[in-house]
């Protein structure tokens, strides 16, 4: 991955807003956002000047214009969402808690 990372934001809650604001303050560009609904994805994209809005997490992860996914869902969903992004060959950033237990963490790593 040469040059700037093309970020995809998985979910549109408050933690996603904080992450995007922080990255934008440091010159990063968000490429796409994915949500459980097209409406929520569109609203988030407009608010933060993100060009691509996807109606599902699957669609975001399948986007060839995205290099890395920031997982902004609640903790119990981290493992499932990280595995989805990894299955599409994306780099993944998941904050604490990475997963809710050791067996989930091992599944993601494997």
PDB file of N, CA and C in Angstrom:
ATOM      1  N   UNK A   1       0.855  -1.167   0.000  1.00  0.00           N
ATOM      2  CA  UNK A   1       0.000   0.000   0.000  1.00  0.00           C
ATOM      3  C   UNK A   1       0.899   1.228   0.000  1.00  0.00           C
ATOM      4  N   UNK A   2       1.041   1.868  -1.138  1.00  0.00           N
ATOM      5  CA  UNK A   2       1.890   3.055  -1.254  1.00  0.00           C
ATOM      6  C   UNK A   2       1.032   4.314  -1.176  1.00  0.00           C
ATOM      7  N   UNK A   3       1.607   5.398  -0.706  1.00  0.00           N
ATOM      8  CA  UNK A   3       0.877   6.658  -0.628  1.00  0.00           C
ATOM      9  C   UNK A   3      -0.051   6.703   0.560  1.00  0.00           C
ATOM     10  N   UNK A   4      -1.095   7.522   0.427  1.00  0.00           N
ATOM     11  CA  UNK A   4      -2.051   7.693   1.518  1.00  0.00           C
ATOM     12  C   UNK A   4      -2.990   6.497   1.629  1.00  0.00           C
ATOM     13  N   UNK A   5      -3.341   6.189   2.848  1.00  0.00           N
ATOM     14  CA  UNK A   5      -4.303   5.121   3.117  1.00  0.00           C
ATOM     15  C   UNK A   5      -5.697   5.625   2.759  1.00  0.00           C
ATOM     16  N   UNK A   6      -6.430   4.808   2.034  1.00  0.00           N
ATOM     17  CA  UNK A   6      -7.809   5.138   1.673  1.00  0.00           C
ATOM     18  C   UNK A   6      -8.726   4.469   2.695  1.00  0.00           C
ATOM     19  N   UNK A   7      -9.205   5.261   3.652  1.00  0.00           N
ATOM     20  CA  UNK A   7      -9.965   4.741   4.784  1.00  0.00           C
ATOM     21  C   UNK A   7     -11.430   4.501   4.458  1.00  0.00           C
ATOM     22  N   UNK A   8     -11.960   3.405   4.998  1.00  0.00           N
ATOM     23  CA  UNK A   8     -13.385   3.136   5.025  1.00  0.00           C
ATOM     24  C   UNK A   8     -13.823   3.089   6.473  1.00  0.00           C
ATOM     25  N   UNK A   9     -14.947   3.686   6.775  1.00  0.00           N
ATOM     26  CA  UNK A   9     -15.462   3.750   8.137  1.00  0.00           C
ATOM     27  C   UNK A   9     -16.655   2.814   8.229  1.00  0.00           C
ATOM     28  N   UNK A  10     -16.543   1.814   9.096  1.00  0.00           N
ATOM     29  CA  UNK A  10     -17.587   0.807   9.243  1.00  0.00           C
ATOM     30  C   UNK A  10     -18.444   1.183  10.450  1.00  0.00           C
ATOM     31  N   UNK A  11     -19.590   1.792  10.194  1.00  0.00           N
ATOM     32  CA  UNK A  11     -20.589   2.256  11.161  1.00  0.00           C
ATOM     33  C   UNK A  11     -20.537   3.776  11.254  1.00  0.00           C
ATOM     34  N   UNK A  12     -21.615   4.357  11.772  1.00  0.00           N
ATOM     35  CA  UNK A  12     -21.765   5.810  11.728  1.00  0.00           C
ATOM     36  C   UNK A  12     -22.081   6.435  13.080  1.00  0.00           C
ATOM     37  N   UNK A  13     -21.753   5.763  14.162  1.00  0.00           N
ATOM     38  CA  UNK A  13     -22.041   6.291  15.494  1.00  0.00           C
ATOM     39  C   UNK A  13     -21.054   7.348  15.947  1.00  0.00           C
ATOM     40  N   UNK A  14     -21.163   7.711  17.216  1.00  0.00           N
ATOM     41  CA  UNK A  14     -20.351   8.815  17.750  1.00  0.00           C
ATOM     42  C   UNK A  14     -18.856   8.528  17.711  1.00  0.00           C
ATOM     43  N   UNK A  15     -18.451   7.279  17.928  1.00  0.00           N
ATOM     44  CA  UNK A  15     -17.017   6.975  17.906  1.00  0.00           C
ATOM     45  C   UNK A  15     -16.475   7.120  16.482  1.00  0.00           C
ATOM     46  N   UNK A  16     -17.291   6.789  15.490  1.00  0.00           N
ATOM     47  CA  UNK A  16     -16.878   6.985  14.092  1.00  0.00           C
ATOM     48  C   UNK A  16     -16.685   8.473  13.811  1.00  0.00           C
ATOM     49  N   UNK A  17     -17.572   9.301  14.342  1.00  0.00           N
ATOM     50  CA  UNK A  17     -17.439  10.745  14.155  1.00  0.00           C
ATOM     51  C   UNK A  17     -16.137  11.262  14.760  1.00  0.00           C
ATOM     52  N   UNK A  18     -15.810  10.815  15.963  1.00  0.00           N
ATOM     53  CA  UNK A  18     -14.562  11.248  16.604  1.00  0.00           C
ATOM     54  C   UNK A  18     -13.348  10.825  15.787  1.00  0.00           C
ATOM     55  N   UNK A  19     -13.353   9.589  15.313  1.00  0.00           N
ATOM     56  CA  UNK A  19     -12.231   9.070  14.528  1.00  0.00           C
ATOM     57  C   UNK A  19     -12.042   9.880  13.244  1.00  0.00           C
ATOM     58  N   UNK A  20     -13.129  10.128  12.533  1.00  0.00           N
ATOM     59  CA  UNK A  20     -13.050  10.869  11.275  1.00  0.00           C
ATOM     60  C   UNK A  20     -12.556  12.293  11.522  1.00  0.00           C
ATOM     61  N   UNK A  21     -13.088  12.950  12.535  1.00  0.00           N
ATOM     62  CA  UNK A  21     -12.638  14.317  12.849  1.00  0.00           C
ATOM     63  C   UNK A  21     -11.141  14.340  13.138  1.00  0.00           C
ATOM     64  N   UNK A  22     -10.666  13.381  13.922  1.00  0.00           N
ATOM     65  CA  UNK A  22      -9.237  13.323  14.248  1.00  0.00           C
ATOM     66  C   UNK A  22      -8.388  13.104  12.998  1.00  0.00           C
ATOM     67  N   UNK A  23      -8.772  12.154  12.166  1.00  0.00           N
ATOM     68  CA  UNK A  23      -7.994  11.897  10.952  1.00  0.00           C
ATOM     69  C   UNK A  23      -8.006  13.091  10.004  1.00  0.00           C
ATOM     70  N   UNK A  24      -9.148  13.728   9.865  1.00  0.00           N
ATOM     71  CA  UNK A  24      -9.230  14.878   8.966  1.00  0.00           C
ATOM     72  C   UNK A  24      -8.370  16.042   9.460  1.00  0.00           C
ATOM     73  N   UNK A  25      -8.233  16.190  10.772  1.00  0.00           N
ATOM     74  CA  UNK A  25      -7.381  17.250  11.325  1.00  0.00           C
ATOM     75  C   UNK A  25      -5.917  17.034  10.963  1.00  0.00           C
ATOM     76  N   UNK A  26      -5.556  15.809  10.640  1.00  0.00           N
ATOM     77  CA  UNK A  26      -4.173  15.474  10.320  1.00  0.00           C
ATOM     78  C   UNK A  26      -3.975  15.187   8.829  1.00  0.00           C
ATOM     79  N   UNK A  27      -4.910  15.654   8.001  1.00  0.00           N
ATOM     80  CA  UNK A  27      -4.735  15.583   6.562  1.00  0.00           C
ATOM     81  C   UNK A  27      -5.120  14.279   5.895  1.00  0.00           C
ATOM     82  N   UNK A  28      -5.752  13.383   6.626  1.00  0.00           N
ATOM     83  CA  UNK A  28      -6.182  12.118   6.025  1.00  0.00           C
ATOM     84  C   UNK A  28      -7.517  12.303   5.305  1.00  0.00           C
ATOM     85  N   UNK A  29      -7.769  11.443   4.352  1.00  0.00           N
ATOM     86  CA  UNK A  29      -9.012  11.487   3.593  1.00  0.00           C
ATOM     87  C   UNK A  29      -9.792  10.205   3.815  1.00  0.00           C
ATOM     88  N   UNK A  30     -11.072  10.356   4.098  1.00  0.00           N
ATOM     89  CA  UNK A  30     -11.952   9.211   4.221  1.00  0.00           C
ATOM     90  C   UNK A  30     -12.507   8.926   2.828  1.00  0.00           C
ATOM     91  N   UNK A  31     -12.399   7.688   2.399  1.00  0.00           N
ATOM     92  CA  UNK A  31     -12.842   7.313   1.062  1.00  0.00           C
ATOM     93  C   UNK A  31     -14.296   6.877   1.041  1.00  0.00           C
ATOM     94  N   UNK A  32     -14.721   6.123   2.076  1.00  0.00           N
ATOM     95  CA  UNK A  32     -16.069   5.563   2.065  1.00  0.00           C
ATOM     96  C   UNK A  32     -16.550   5.317   3.485  1.00  0.00           C
ATOM     97  N   UNK A  33     -17.856   5.215   3.603  1.00  0.00           N
ATOM     98  CA  UNK A  33     -18.485   4.854   4.870  1.00  0.00           C
ATOM     99  C   UNK A  33     -19.533   3.795   4.568  1.00  0.00           C
ATOM    100  N   UNK A  34     -19.701   2.865   5.512  1.00  0.00           N
ATOM    101  CA  UNK A  34     -20.728   1.845   5.393  1.00  0.00           C
ATOM    102  C   UNK A  34     -21.590   1.851   6.631  1.00  0.00           C
ATOM    103  N   UNK A  35     -22.877   1.656   6.439  1.00  0.00           N
ATOM    104  CA  UNK A  35     -23.818   1.627   7.548  1.00  0.00           C
ATOM    105  C   UNK A  35     -24.831   0.523   7.298  1.00  0.00           C
ATOM    106  N   UNK A  36     -25.715   0.335   8.263  1.00  0.00           N
ATOM    107  CA  UNK A  36     -26.766  -0.661   8.086  1.00  0.00           C
ATOM    108  C   UNK A  36     -27.898  -0.132   7.213  1.00  0.00           C
ATOM    109  N   UNK A  37     -27.857   1.178   6.913  1.00  0.00           N
ATOM    110  CA  UNK A  37     -28.863   1.752   6.015  1.00  0.00           C
ATOM    111  C   UNK A  37     -28.210   2.777   5.094  1.00  0.00           C
ATOM    112  N   UNK A  38     -28.746   2.889   3.898  1.00  0.00           N
ATOM    113  CA  UNK A  38     -28.223   3.873   2.947  1.00  0.00           C
ATOM    114  C   UNK A  38     -28.412   5.286   3.483  1.00  0.00           C
ATOM    115  N   UNK A  39     -29.546   5.524   4.136  1.00  0.00           N
ATOM    116  CA  UNK A  39     -29.830   6.856   4.669  1.00  0.00           C
ATOM    117  C   UNK A  39     -28.765   7.295   5.674  1.00  0.00           C
ATOM    118  N   UNK A  40     -28.445   6.434   6.624  1.00  0.00           N
ATOM    119  CA  UNK A  40     -27.431   6.776   7.632  1.00  0.00           C
ATOM    120  C   UNK A  40     -26.063   6.973   6.991  1.00  0.00           C
ATOM    121  N   UNK A  41     -25.727   6.127   6.030  1.00  0.00           N
ATOM    122  CA  UNK A  41     -24.441   6.263   5.335  1.00  0.00           C
ATOM    123  C   UNK A  41     -24.385   7.583   4.573  1.00  0.00           C
ATOM    124  N   UNK A  42     -25.475   7.933   3.903  1.00  0.00           N
ATOM    125  CA  UNK A  42     -25.519   9.191   3.154  1.00  0.00           C
ATOM    126  C   UNK A  42     -25.356  10.397   4.071  1.00  0.00           C
ATOM    127  N   UNK A  43     -26.075  10.397   5.195  1.00  0.00           N
ATOM    128  CA  UNK A  43     -25.982  11.519   6.135  1.00  0.00           C
ATOM    129  C   UNK A  43     -24.558  11.689   6.655  1.00  0.00           C
ATOM    130  N   UNK A  44     -23.934  10.591   7.036  1.00  0.00           N
ATOM    131  CA  UNK A  44     -22.565  10.636   7.551  1.00  0.00           C
ATOM    132  C   UNK A  44     -21.611  11.129   6.467  1.00  0.00           C
ATOM    133  N   UNK A  45     -21.779  10.630   5.263  1.00  0.00           N
ATOM    134  CA  UNK A  45     -20.908  11.021   4.150  1.00  0.00           C
ATOM    135  C   UNK A  45     -21.011  12.517   3.866  1.00  0.00           C
ATOM    136  N   UNK A  46     -22.212  13.040   3.858  1.00  0.00           N
ATOM    137  CA  UNK A  46     -22.405  14.473   3.612  1.00  0.00           C
ATOM    138  C   UNK A  46     -21.776  15.287   4.735  1.00  0.00           C
ATOM    139  N   UNK A  47     -22.007  14.873   5.968  1.00  0.00           N
ATOM    140  CA  UNK A  47     -21.495  15.612   7.134  1.00  0.00           C
ATOM    141  C   UNK A  47     -19.976  15.741   7.107  1.00  0.00           C
ATOM    142  N   UNK A  48     -19.284  14.685   6.640  1.00  0.00           N
ATOM    143  CA  UNK A  48     -17.827  14.665   6.696  1.00  0.00           C
ATOM    144  C   UNK A  48     -17.150  14.744   5.324  1.00  0.00           C
ATOM    145  N   UNK A  49     -17.917  14.988   4.280  1.00  0.00           N
ATOM    146  CA  UNK A  49     -17.326  15.134   2.954  1.00  0.00           C
ATOM    147  C   UNK A  49     -16.721  13.853   2.410  1.00  0.00           C
ATOM    148  N   UNK A  50     -17.379  12.735   2.670  1.00  0.00           N
ATOM    149  CA  UNK A  50     -16.916  11.427   2.211  1.00  0.00           C
ATOM    150  C   UNK A  50     -17.629  11.100   0.898  1.00  0.00           C
ATOM    151  N   UNK A  51     -16.869  10.735  -0.115  1.00  0.00           N
ATOM    152  CA  UNK A  51     -17.408  10.570  -1.468  1.00  0.00           C
ATOM    153  C   UNK A  51     -18.321   9.359  -1.635  1.00  0.00           C
ATOM    154  N   UNK A  52     -18.054   8.266  -0.923  1.00  0.00           N
ATOM    155  CA  UNK A  52     -18.773   7.020  -1.172  1.00  0.00           C
ATOM    156  C   UNK A  52     -19.527   6.595   0.088  1.00  0.00           C
ATOM    157  N   UNK A  53     -20.821   6.282  -0.086  1.00  0.00           N
ATOM    158  CA  UNK A  53     -21.663   5.840   1.029  1.00  0.00           C
ATOM    159  C   UNK A  53     -22.288   4.498   0.665  1.00  0.00           C
ATOM    160  N   UNK A  54     -22.051   3.504   1.514  1.00  0.00           N
ATOM    161  CA  UNK A  54     -22.537   2.149   1.238  1.00  0.00           C
ATOM    162  C   UNK A  54     -23.657   1.762   2.203  1.00  0.00           C
ATOM    163  N   UNK A  55     -24.663   1.006   1.708  1.00  0.00           N
ATOM    164  CA  UNK A  55     -25.816   0.638   2.527  1.00  0.00           C
ATOM    165  C   UNK A  55     -25.591  -0.578   3.421  1.00  0.00           C
ATOM    166  N   UNK A  56     -24.374  -1.113   3.413  1.00  0.00           N
ATOM    167  CA  UNK A  56     -24.087  -2.281   4.257  1.00  0.00           C
ATOM    168  C   UNK A  56     -22.597  -2.342   4.549  1.00  0.00           C
ATOM    169  N   UNK A  57     -22.258  -3.073   5.594  1.00  0.00           N
ATOM    170  CA  UNK A  57     -20.849  -3.275   5.930  1.00  0.00           C
ATOM    171  C   UNK A  57     -20.171  -4.132   4.859  1.00  0.00           C
ATOM    172  N   UNK A  58     -20.900  -5.087   4.330  1.00  0.00           N
ATOM    173  CA  UNK A  58     -20.377  -5.952   3.263  1.00  0.00           C
ATOM    174  C   UNK A  58     -19.983  -5.119   2.041  1.00  0.00           C
ATOM    175  N   UNK A  59     -20.856  -4.203   1.647  1.00  0.00           N
ATOM    176  CA  UNK A  59     -20.567  -3.363   0.478  1.00  0.00           C
ATOM    177  C   UNK A  59     -19.342  -2.490   0.721  1.00  0.00           C
ATOM    178  N   UNK A  60     -19.212  -1.952   1.918  1.00  0.00           N
ATOM    179  CA  UNK A  60     -18.028  -1.151   2.243  1.00  0.00           C
ATOM    180  C   UNK A  60     -16.771  -1.994   2.114  1.00  0.00           C
ATOM    181  N   UNK A  61     -16.788  -3.179   2.701  1.00  0.00           N
ATOM    182  CA  UNK A  61     -15.602  -4.038   2.687  1.00  0.00           C
ATOM    183  C   UNK A  61     -15.252  -4.516   1.279  1.00  0.00           C
ATOM    184  N   UNK A  62     -16.238  -4.607   0.408  1.00  0.00           N
ATOM    185  CA  UNK A  62     -16.001  -5.037  -0.973  1.00  0.00           C
ATOM    186  C   UNK A  62     -15.540  -3.894  -1.877  1.00  0.00           C
ATOM    187  N   UNK A  63     -15.556  -2.683  -1.388  1.00  0.00           N
ATOM    188  CA  UNK A  63     -15.192  -1.513  -2.200  1.00  0.00           C
ATOM    189  C   UNK A  63     -13.703  -1.553  -2.547  1.00  0.00           C
ATOM    190  N   UNK A  64     -13.356  -1.640  -3.823  1.00  0.00           N
ATOM    191  CA  UNK A  64     -11.941  -1.719  -4.212  1.00  0.00           C
ATOM    192  C   UNK A  64     -11.173  -0.415  -3.988  1.00  0.00           C
ATOM    193  N   UNK A  65     -11.865   0.676  -3.724  1.00  0.00           N
ATOM    194  CA  UNK A  65     -11.212   1.963  -3.473  1.00  0.00           C
ATOM    195  C   UNK A  65     -10.807   2.143  -2.012  1.00  0.00           C
ATOM    196  N   UNK A  66     -11.120   1.164  -1.167  1.00  0.00           N
ATOM    197  CA  UNK A  66     -10.820   1.235   0.268  1.00  0.00           C
ATOM    198  C   UNK A  66      -9.656   0.306   0.584  1.00  0.00           C
ATOM    199  N   UNK A  67      -8.643   0.846   1.267  1.00  0.00           N
ATOM    200  CA  UNK A  67      -7.485   0.050   1.691  1.00  0.00           C
ATOM    201  C   UNK A  67      -7.640  -0.491   3.106  1.00  0.00           C
ATOM    202  N   UNK A  68      -8.175   0.339   3.992  1.00  0.00           N
ATOM    203  CA  UNK A  68      -8.232   0.003   5.415  1.00  0.00           C
ATOM    204  C   UNK A  68      -9.603   0.351   5.970  1.00  0.00           C
ATOM    205  N   UNK A  69     -10.045  -0.466   6.905  1.00  0.00           N
ATOM    206  CA  UNK A  69     -11.348  -0.296   7.537  1.00  0.00           C
ATOM    207  C   UNK A  69     -11.154   0.035   9.011  1.00  0.00           C
ATOM    208  N   UNK A  70     -11.830   1.095   9.456  1.00  0.00           N
ATOM    209  CA  UNK A  70     -11.911   1.402  10.880  1.00  0.00           C
ATOM    210  C   UNK A  70     -13.234   0.843  11.377  1.00  0.00           C
ATOM    211  N   UNK A  71     -13.185  -0.076  12.332  1.00  0.00           N
ATOM    212  CA  UNK A  71     -14.381  -0.711  12.879  1.00  0.00           C
ATOM    213  C   UNK A  71     -14.903   0.151  14.024  1.00  0.00           C
ATOM    214  N   UNK A  72     -16.089   0.729  13.831  1.00  0.00           N
ATOM    215  CA  UNK A  72     -16.664   1.652  14.807  1.00  0.00           C
ATOM    216  C   UNK A  72     -17.969   1.131  15.399  1.00  0.00           C
ATOM    217  N   UNK A  73     -18.123  -0.170  15.414  1.00  0.00           N
ATOM    218  CA  UNK A  73     -19.323  -0.786  15.970  1.00  0.00           C
ATOM    219  C   UNK A  73     -19.127  -1.071  17.458  1.00  0.00           C
ATOM    220  N   UNK A  74     -20.207  -1.433  18.183  1.00  0.00           N
ATOM    221  CA  UNK A  74     -20.064  -1.814  19.590  1.00  0.00           C
ATOM    222  C   UNK A  74     -19.154  -3.041  19.753  1.00  0.00           C
ATOM    223  N   UNK A  75     -18.533  -3.152  20.915  1.00  0.00           N
ATOM    224  CA  UNK A  75     -17.559  -4.214  21.193  1.00  0.00           C
ATOM    225  C   UNK A  75     -18.014  -5.616  20.794  1.00  0.00           C
ATOM    226  N   UNK A  76     -19.252  -6.025  21.097  1.00  0.00           N
ATOM    227  CA  UNK A  76     -19.639  -7.399  20.744  1.00  0.00           C
ATOM    228  C   UNK A  76     -19.611  -7.692  19.243  1.00  0.00           C
ATOM    229  N   UNK A  77     -19.579  -6.655  18.415  1.00  0.00           N
ATOM    230  CA  UNK A  77     -19.568  -6.847  16.964  1.00  0.00           C
ATOM    231  C   UNK A  77     -18.165  -6.762  16.369  1.00  0.00           C
ATOM    232  N   UNK A  78     -17.159  -6.403  17.159  1.00  0.00           N
ATOM    233  CA  UNK A  78     -15.813  -6.189  16.631  1.00  0.00           C
ATOM    234  C   UNK A  78     -15.263  -7.407  15.893  1.00  0.00           C
ATOM    235  N   UNK A  79     -15.362  -8.576  16.480  1.00  0.00           N
ATOM    236  CA  UNK A  79     -14.785  -9.772  15.853  1.00  0.00           C
ATOM    237  C   UNK A  79     -15.431 -10.047  14.495  1.00  0.00           C
ATOM    238  N   UNK A  80     -16.751 -10.041  14.454  1.00  0.00           N
ATOM    239  CA  UNK A  80     -17.467 -10.309  13.203  1.00  0.00           C
ATOM    240  C   UNK A  80     -17.097  -9.282  12.126  1.00  0.00           C
ATOM    241  N   UNK A  81     -17.071  -8.018  12.500  1.00  0.00           N
ATOM    242  CA  UNK A  81     -16.765  -6.961  11.531  1.00  0.00           C
ATOM    243  C   UNK A  81     -15.314  -7.000  11.086  1.00  0.00           C
ATOM    244  N   UNK A  82     -14.401  -7.276  11.996  1.00  0.00           N
ATOM    245  CA  UNK A  82     -12.980  -7.384  11.630  1.00  0.00           C
ATOM    246  C   UNK A  82     -12.768  -8.548  10.667  1.00  0.00           C
ATOM    247  N   UNK A  83     -13.399  -9.684  10.943  1.00  0.00           N
ATOM    248  CA  UNK A  83     -13.263 -10.840  10.048  1.00  0.00           C
ATOM    249  C   UNK A  83     -13.836 -10.536   8.665  1.00  0.00           C
ATOM    250  N   UNK A  84     -14.940  -9.810   8.617  1.00  0.00           N
ATOM    251  CA  UNK A  84     -15.524  -9.429   7.331  1.00  0.00           C
ATOM    252  C   UNK A  84     -14.535  -8.593   6.526  1.00  0.00           C
ATOM    253  N   UNK A  85     -13.963  -7.584   7.151  1.00  0.00           N
ATOM    254  CA  UNK A  85     -13.006  -6.722   6.447  1.00  0.00           C
ATOM    255  C   UNK A  85     -11.766  -7.502   6.023  1.00  0.00           C
ATOM    256  N   UNK A  86     -11.256  -8.331   6.907  1.00  0.00           N
ATOM    257  CA  UNK A  86     -10.072  -9.132   6.582  1.00  0.00           C
ATOM    258  C   UNK A  86     -10.350 -10.098   5.433  1.00  0.00           C
ATOM    259  N   UNK A  87     -11.570 -10.638   5.388  1.00  0.00           N
ATOM    260  CA  UNK A  87     -11.915 -11.579   4.311  1.00  0.00           C
ATOM    261  C   UNK A  87     -11.913 -10.897   2.942  1.00  0.00           C
ATOM    262  N   UNK A  88     -11.985  -9.583   2.933  1.00  0.00           N
ATOM    263  CA  UNK A  88     -11.924  -8.810   1.687  1.00  0.00           C
ATOM    264  C   UNK A  88     -10.534  -8.232   1.448  1.00  0.00           C
ATOM    265  N   UNK A  89      -9.568  -8.685   2.235  1.00  0.00           N
ATOM    266  CA  UNK A  89      -8.192  -8.254   2.035  1.00  0.00           C
ATOM    267  C   UNK A  89      -7.876  -6.857   2.539  1.00  0.00           C
ATOM    268  N   UNK A  90      -8.699  -6.337   3.431  1.00  0.00           N
ATOM    269  CA  UNK A  90      -8.490  -4.989   3.948  1.00  0.00           C
ATOM    270  C   UNK A  90      -7.605  -5.009   5.189  1.00  0.00           C
ATOM    271  N   UNK A  91      -6.882  -3.918   5.395  1.00  0.00           N
ATOM    272  CA  UNK A  91      -6.223  -3.682   6.670  1.00  0.00           C
ATOM    273  C   UNK A  91      -7.323  -3.248   7.626  1.00  0.00           C
ATOM    274  N   UNK A  92      -7.168  -3.558   8.919  1.00  0.00           N
ATOM    275  CA  UNK A  92      -8.244  -3.297   9.870  1.00  0.00           C
ATOM    276  C   UNK A  92      -7.698  -2.619  11.114  1.00  0.00           C
ATOM    277  N   UNK A  93      -8.423  -1.594  11.568  1.00  0.00           N
ATOM    278  CA  UNK A  93      -8.136  -0.957  12.848  1.00  0.00           C
ATOM    279  C   UNK A  93      -9.344  -1.154  13.744  1.00  0.00           C
ATOM    280  N   UNK A  94      -9.124  -1.865  14.853  1.00  0.00           N
ATOM    281  CA  UNK A  94     -10.163  -2.098  15.853  1.00  0.00           C
ATOM    282  C   UNK A  94      -9.608  -1.618  17.181  1.00  0.00           C
ATOM    283  N   UNK A  95     -10.347  -0.754  17.843  1.00  0.00           N
ATOM    284  CA  UNK A  95      -9.895  -0.283  19.148  1.00  0.00           C
ATOM    285  C   UNK A  95     -10.377  -1.225  20.236  1.00  0.00           C
ATOM    286  N   UNK A  96      -9.969  -0.947  21.452  1.00  0.00           N
ATOM    287  CA  UNK A  96     -10.369  -1.796  22.564  1.00  0.00           C
ATOM    288  C   UNK A  96     -11.881  -1.760  22.722  1.00  0.00           C
ATOM    289  N   UNK A  97     -12.451  -2.750  23.096  1.00  0.00           N
ATOM    290  CA  UNK A  97     -11.939  -4.099  23.173  1.00  0.00           C
ATOM    291  C   UNK A  97     -11.897  -4.720  21.775  1.00  0.00           C
ATOM    292  N   UNK A  98     -10.745  -5.296  21.472  1.00  0.00           N
ATOM    293  CA  UNK A  98     -10.540  -5.946  20.175  1.00  0.00           C
ATOM    294  C   UNK A  98     -11.631  -6.974  19.929  1.00  0.00           C
ATOM    295  N   UNK A  99     -11.863  -7.830  20.907  1.00  0.00           N
ATOM    296  CA  UNK A  99     -12.977  -8.777  20.907  1.00  0.00           C
ATOM    297  C   UNK A  99     -13.451  -8.898  22.346  1.00  0.00           C
ATOM    298  N   UNK A 100     -14.502  -9.677  22.567  1.00  0.00           N
ATOM    299  CA  UNK A 100     -15.015  -9.800  23.931  1.00  0.00           C
ATOM    300  C   UNK A 100     -14.442 -10.990  24.688  1.00  0.00           C
ATOM    301  N   UNK A 101     -13.696 -11.860  23.995  1.00  0.00           N
ATOM    302  CA  UNK A 101     -13.048 -12.974  24.693  1.00  0.00           C
ATOM    303  C   UNK A 101     -11.886 -13.512  23.850  1.00  0.00           C
ATOM    304  N   UNK A 102     -11.106 -14.365  24.459  1.00  0.00           N
ATOM    305  CA  UNK A 102      -9.894 -14.878  23.813  1.00  0.00           C
ATOM    306  C   UNK A 102     -10.199 -15.736  22.587  1.00  0.00           C
ATOM    307  N   UNK A 103     -11.264 -16.520  22.636  1.00  0.00           N
ATOM    308  CA  UNK A 103     -11.558 -17.382  21.488  1.00  0.00           C
ATOM    309  C   UNK A 103     -11.949 -16.558  20.259  1.00  0.00           C
ATOM    310  N   UNK A 104     -12.691 -15.466  20.459  1.00  0.00           N
ATOM    311  CA  UNK A 104     -13.003 -14.583  19.334  1.00  0.00           C
ATOM    312  C   UNK A 104     -11.733 -13.949  18.776  1.00  0.00           C
ATOM    313  N   UNK A 105     -10.843 -13.527  19.657  1.00  0.00           N
ATOM    314  CA  UNK A 105      -9.584 -12.920  19.218  1.00  0.00           C
ATOM    315  C   UNK A 105      -8.784 -13.906  18.370  1.00  0.00           C
ATOM    316  N   UNK A 106      -8.739 -15.156  18.789  1.00  0.00           N
ATOM    317  CA  UNK A 106      -8.002 -16.167  18.037  1.00  0.00           C
ATOM    318  C   UNK A 106      -8.618 -16.381  16.659  1.00  0.00           C
ATOM    319  N   UNK A 107      -9.962 -16.378  16.582  1.00  0.00           N
ATOM    320  CA  UNK A 107     -10.643 -16.525  15.290  1.00  0.00           C
ATOM    321  C   UNK A 107     -10.260 -15.402  14.331  1.00  0.00           C
ATOM    322  N   UNK A 108     -10.202 -14.175  14.839  1.00  0.00           N
ATOM    323  CA  UNK A 108      -9.858 -13.036  13.987  1.00  0.00           C
ATOM    324  C   UNK A 108      -8.427 -13.163  13.491  1.00  0.00           C
ATOM    325  N   UNK A 109      -7.524 -13.546  14.377  1.00  0.00           N
ATOM    326  CA  UNK A 109      -6.113 -13.668  14.018  1.00  0.00           C
ATOM    327  C   UNK A 109      -5.905 -14.790  13.009  1.00  0.00           C
ATOM    328  N   UNK A 110      -6.612 -15.892  13.192  1.00  0.00           N
ATOM    329  CA  UNK A 110      -6.469 -17.035  12.284  1.00  0.00           C
ATOM    330  C   UNK A 110      -7.035 -16.691  10.926  1.00  0.00           C
TER     331      UNK A 110
END
